[in-house]
Amino acid sequence: MTYKLVFMADGAPTAVATDDLAFACANLGLTITGVERRATLRPCLQGQPKIAGMIGPCYGGEDDGVPVIRYEDAATHAALGA
């Protein structure tokens, strides 16, 4: 599984991609707070970690047929949603 963490840096979205979400969160000072339990989401999002201060998990497309699980900070979400 590929995870993508997206932050606003210098006014532009900046992404960090990883296969090891726990390691990336530890290095970025982020905290995993639980798992996504909503059964109405895409199956690939169900059971994925939730991260304090981040919006997600969200579907980020696919990479070689494997779903990308995306998380965004609030500033990125606001900028991309405008």
C-alpha atoms as a PDB file:
ATOM      1  CA  MET A   1       0.000   0.000   0.000  1.00  0.00           C
ATOM      2  CA  THR A   2       1.242   3.477  -0.815  1.00  0.00           C
ATOM      3  CA  TYR A   3       0.410   6.423   1.399  1.00  0.00           C
ATOM      4  CA  LYS A   4       0.712  10.065   0.407  1.00  0.00           C
ATOM      5  CA  LEU A   5       0.867  12.829   3.020  1.00  0.00           C
ATOM      6  CA  VAL A   6       0.293  16.276   1.512  1.00  0.00           C
ATOM      7  CA  PHE A   7       1.211  19.523   3.271  1.00  0.00           C
ATOM      8  CA  MET A   8       1.147  23.157   2.203  1.00  0.00           C
ATOM      9  CA  ALA A   9       4.743  24.446   2.008  1.00  0.00           C
ATOM     10  CA  ASP A  10       5.686  27.867   0.620  1.00  0.00           C
ATOM     11  CA  GLY A  11       2.169  28.253  -0.771  1.00  0.00           C
ATOM     12  CA  ALA A  12       2.198  25.011  -2.744  1.00  0.00           C
ATOM     13  CA  PRO A  13       1.110  21.460  -1.899  1.00  0.00           C
ATOM     14  CA  THR A  14       4.078  19.222  -1.128  1.00  0.00           C
ATOM     15  CA  ALA A  15       3.682  15.444  -0.963  1.00  0.00           C
ATOM     16  CA  VAL A  16       5.550  12.794   0.983  1.00  0.00           C
ATOM     17  CA  ALA A  17       4.969   9.263  -0.325  1.00  0.00           C
ATOM     18  CA  THR A  18       5.693   6.207   1.801  1.00  0.00           C
ATOM     19  CA  ASP A  19       4.941   2.520   2.166  1.00  0.00           C
ATOM     20  CA  ASP A  20       5.549   2.749   5.943  1.00  0.00           C
ATOM     21  CA  LEU A  21       2.970   5.169   7.323  1.00  0.00           C
ATOM     22  CA  ALA A  22       3.892   4.647  10.995  1.00  0.00           C
ATOM     23  CA  PHE A  23       7.549   5.462  10.298  1.00  0.00           C
ATOM     24  CA  ALA A  24       6.664   8.553   8.226  1.00  0.00           C
ATOM     25  CA  CYS A  25       4.268   9.829  10.893  1.00  0.00           C
ATOM     26  CA  ALA A  26       6.888   9.373  13.608  1.00  0.00           C
ATOM     27  CA  ASN A  27       9.443  11.325  11.567  1.00  0.00           C
ATOM     28  CA  LEU A  28       6.952  14.102  10.766  1.00  0.00           C
ATOM     29  CA  GLY A  29       5.667  14.424  14.325  1.00  0.00           C
ATOM     30  CA  LEU A  30       2.199  13.109  13.426  1.00  0.00           C
ATOM     31  CA  THR A  31       0.068  10.807  15.564  1.00  0.00           C
ATOM     32  CA  ILE A  32      -2.021   7.891  14.313  1.00  0.00           C
ATOM     33  CA  THR A  33      -5.240   8.073  16.334  1.00  0.00           C
ATOM     34  CA  GLY A  34      -7.212   5.030  15.206  1.00  0.00           C
ATOM     35  CA  VAL A  35      -8.683   3.515  12.076  1.00  0.00           C
ATOM     36  CA  GLU A  36     -11.393   4.528   9.623  1.00  0.00           C
ATOM     37  CA  ARG A  37     -14.562   2.574  10.415  1.00  0.00           C
ATOM     38  CA  ARG A  38     -17.145   4.023   8.000  1.00  0.00           C
ATOM     39  CA  ALA A  39     -18.502   1.190   5.881  1.00  0.00           C
ATOM     40  CA  THR A  40     -19.771   3.628   3.234  1.00  0.00           C
ATOM     41  CA  LEU A  41     -16.261   4.443   1.990  1.00  0.00           C
ATOM     42  CA  ARG A  42     -14.368   2.662  -0.743  1.00  0.00           C
ATOM     43  CA  PRO A  43     -13.194  -0.713   0.536  1.00  0.00           C
ATOM     44  CA  CYS A  44      -9.534   0.340   0.238  1.00  0.00           C
ATOM     45  CA  LEU A  45     -10.164   3.176   2.747  1.00  0.00           C
ATOM     46  CA  GLN A  46     -11.959   1.081   5.333  1.00  0.00           C
ATOM     47  CA  GLY A  47      -9.649   0.131   8.192  1.00  0.00           C
ATOM     48  CA  GLN A  48      -6.945   2.611   7.165  1.00  0.00           C
ATOM     49  CA  PRO A  49      -5.256   4.685   9.874  1.00  0.00           C
ATOM     50  CA  LYS A  50      -6.564   8.113  10.886  1.00  0.00           C
ATOM     51  CA  ILE A  51      -3.967  10.806  11.607  1.00  0.00           C
ATOM     52  CA  ALA A  52      -4.467  13.698  14.041  1.00  0.00           C
ATOM     53  CA  GLY A  53      -4.607  17.044  12.227  1.00  0.00           C
ATOM     54  CA  MET A  54      -4.915  15.465   8.781  1.00  0.00           C
ATOM     55  CA  ILE A  55      -7.944  15.009   6.530  1.00  0.00           C
ATOM     56  CA  GLY A  56      -8.205  11.436   5.359  1.00  0.00           C
ATOM     57  CA  PRO A  57      -7.888   8.699   4.560  1.00  0.00           C
ATOM     58  CA  CYS A  58      -8.888   9.682   1.024  1.00  0.00           C
ATOM     59  CA  TYR A  59      -8.614   7.819  -2.257  1.00  0.00           C
ATOM     60  CA  GLY A  60      -5.584   9.111  -4.155  1.00  0.00           C
ATOM     61  CA  GLY A  61      -5.877   7.070  -7.335  1.00  0.00           C
ATOM     62  CA  GLU A  62      -3.750   4.047  -8.109  1.00  0.00           C
ATOM     63  CA  ASP A  63      -0.077   3.350  -8.629  1.00  0.00           C
ATOM     64  CA  ASP A  64       0.475   0.254 -10.777  1.00  0.00           C
ATOM     65  CA  GLY A  65      -2.989  -0.995  -9.816  1.00  0.00           C
ATOM     66  CA  VAL A  66      -2.467  -0.469  -6.074  1.00  0.00           C
ATOM     67  CA  PRO A  67      -4.623   2.145  -4.316  1.00  0.00           C
ATOM     68  CA  VAL A  68      -2.872   5.250  -3.001  1.00  0.00           C
ATOM     69  CA  ILE A  69      -4.208   6.376   0.382  1.00  0.00           C
ATOM     70  CA  ARG A  70      -3.960  10.158   0.689  1.00  0.00           C
ATOM     71  CA  TYR A  71      -3.966  12.474   3.709  1.00  0.00           C
ATOM     72  CA  GLU A  72      -3.975  16.298   3.534  1.00  0.00           C
ATOM     73  CA  ASP A  73      -3.448  19.049   6.055  1.00  0.00           C
ATOM     74  CA  ALA A  74      -6.278  21.609   6.347  1.00  0.00           C
ATOM     75  CA  ALA A  75      -4.421  24.273   4.322  1.00  0.00           C
ATOM     76  CA  THR A  76      -3.886  21.897   1.403  1.00  0.00           C
ATOM     77  CA  HIS A  77      -7.481  20.688   1.542  1.00  0.00           C
ATOM     78  CA  ALA A  78      -8.762  24.278   1.471  1.00  0.00           C
ATOM     79  CA  ALA A  79      -6.449  25.287  -1.384  1.00  0.00           C
ATOM     80  CA  LEU A  80      -7.266  22.271  -3.553  1.00  0.00           C
ATOM     81  CA  GLY A  81     -10.983  22.452  -2.802  1.00  0.00           C
ATOM     82  CA  ALA A  82     -11.281  26.099  -3.887  1.00  0.00           C
END
